[in-house]
Amino acid sequence: MSWSEREQLPPGILGPIKNKACINLLSLAPRIILQFTRYTRNFWMKWMLV
């Protein structure tokens, strides 16, 4: 596995801070899953990139 060049994330996206990337080995096509979380005063959002 190799990493692509570093690129700036959009404003408000901090990237994986406490949750490390995990590799889904259970599917037929292994994938890297990144979890992202965004917190504000009134709510929090969580999403994943596959």
C-alpha atoms as a PDB file:
ATOM      1  CA  MET A   1       0.000   0.000   0.000  1.00  0.00           C
ATOM      2  CA  SER A   2       1.234   3.488  -0.736  1.00  0.00           C
ATOM      3  CA  TRP A   3      -0.054   6.921   0.197  1.00  0.00           C
ATOM      4  CA  SER A   4      -0.894   9.666  -2.260  1.00  0.00           C
ATOM      5  CA  GLU A   5       0.525  13.164  -1.983  1.00  0.00           C
ATOM      6  CA  ARG A   6      -0.634  15.256   0.967  1.00  0.00           C
ATOM      7  CA  GLU A   7      -3.507  17.641   0.226  1.00  0.00           C
ATOM      8  CA  GLN A   8      -5.263  20.315   2.269  1.00  0.00           C
ATOM      9  CA  LEU A   9      -8.657  19.347   3.699  1.00  0.00           C
ATOM     10  CA  PRO A  10     -11.619  21.721   3.312  1.00  0.00           C
ATOM     11  CA  PRO A  11     -12.300  24.248   6.108  1.00  0.00           C
ATOM     12  CA  GLY A  12     -13.926  22.622   9.131  1.00  0.00           C
ATOM     13  CA  ILE A  13     -12.542  19.161   8.348  1.00  0.00           C
ATOM     14  CA  LEU A  14      -9.782  18.253  10.767  1.00  0.00           C
ATOM     15  CA  GLY A  15      -9.141  14.714   9.608  1.00  0.00           C
ATOM     16  CA  PRO A  16      -8.733  11.601  11.742  1.00  0.00           C
ATOM     17  CA  ILE A  17      -7.508  12.845  15.090  1.00  0.00           C
ATOM     18  CA  LYS A  18      -8.111  10.133  17.656  1.00  0.00           C
ATOM     19  CA  ASN A  19      -9.470   7.376  15.433  1.00  0.00           C
ATOM     20  CA  LYS A  20      -6.887   5.715  13.275  1.00  0.00           C
ATOM     21  CA  ALA A  21      -7.675   4.451   9.812  1.00  0.00           C
ATOM     22  CA  CYS A  22      -8.796   0.851   9.713  1.00  0.00           C
ATOM     23  CA  ILE A  23      -8.713  -1.644   6.887  1.00  0.00           C
ATOM     24  CA  ASN A  24     -11.901  -3.554   6.161  1.00  0.00           C
ATOM     25  CA  LEU A  25     -10.576  -7.049   5.537  1.00  0.00           C
ATOM     26  CA  LEU A  26     -13.974  -8.738   5.679  1.00  0.00           C
ATOM     27  CA  SER A  27     -15.143  -7.605   2.259  1.00  0.00           C
ATOM     28  CA  LEU A  28     -14.027  -9.078  -1.046  1.00  0.00           C
ATOM     29  CA  ALA A  29     -12.244  -5.824  -1.903  1.00  0.00           C
ATOM     30  CA  PRO A  30     -10.313  -4.614   1.180  1.00  0.00           C
ATOM     31  CA  ARG A  31     -10.783  -0.900   1.790  1.00  0.00           C
ATOM     32  CA  ILE A  32      -9.324   1.713   4.069  1.00  0.00           C
ATOM     33  CA  ILE A  33     -11.971   3.418   6.191  1.00  0.00           C
ATOM     34  CA  LEU A  34     -11.303   6.849   7.708  1.00  0.00           C
ATOM     35  CA  GLN A  35     -13.566   8.235  10.417  1.00  0.00           C
ATOM     36  CA  PHE A  36     -14.110  11.970  10.704  1.00  0.00           C
ATOM     37  CA  THR A  37     -15.819  13.849  13.497  1.00  0.00           C
ATOM     38  CA  ARG A  38     -16.769  17.503  13.706  1.00  0.00           C
ATOM     39  CA  TYR A  39     -17.864  19.116  16.951  1.00  0.00           C
ATOM     40  CA  THR A  40     -19.573  22.463  17.436  1.00  0.00           C
ATOM     41  CA  ARG A  41     -21.233  24.075  20.412  1.00  0.00           C
ATOM     42  CA  ASN A  42     -24.681  22.628  19.609  1.00  0.00           C
ATOM     43  CA  PHE A  43     -24.034  19.350  17.817  1.00  0.00           C
ATOM     44  CA  TRP A  44     -21.516  16.851  16.518  1.00  0.00           C
ATOM     45  CA  MET A  45     -21.314  15.011  13.215  1.00  0.00           C
ATOM     46  CA  LYS A  46     -19.501  11.827  12.358  1.00  0.00           C
ATOM     47  CA  TRP A  47     -18.938  10.361   8.929  1.00  0.00           C
ATOM     48  CA  MET A  48     -16.675   7.857   7.242  1.00  0.00           C
ATOM     49  CA  LEU A  49     -14.698   7.866   4.038  1.00  0.00           C
ATOM     50  CA  VAL A  50     -14.230   4.539   2.306  1.00  0.00           C
END
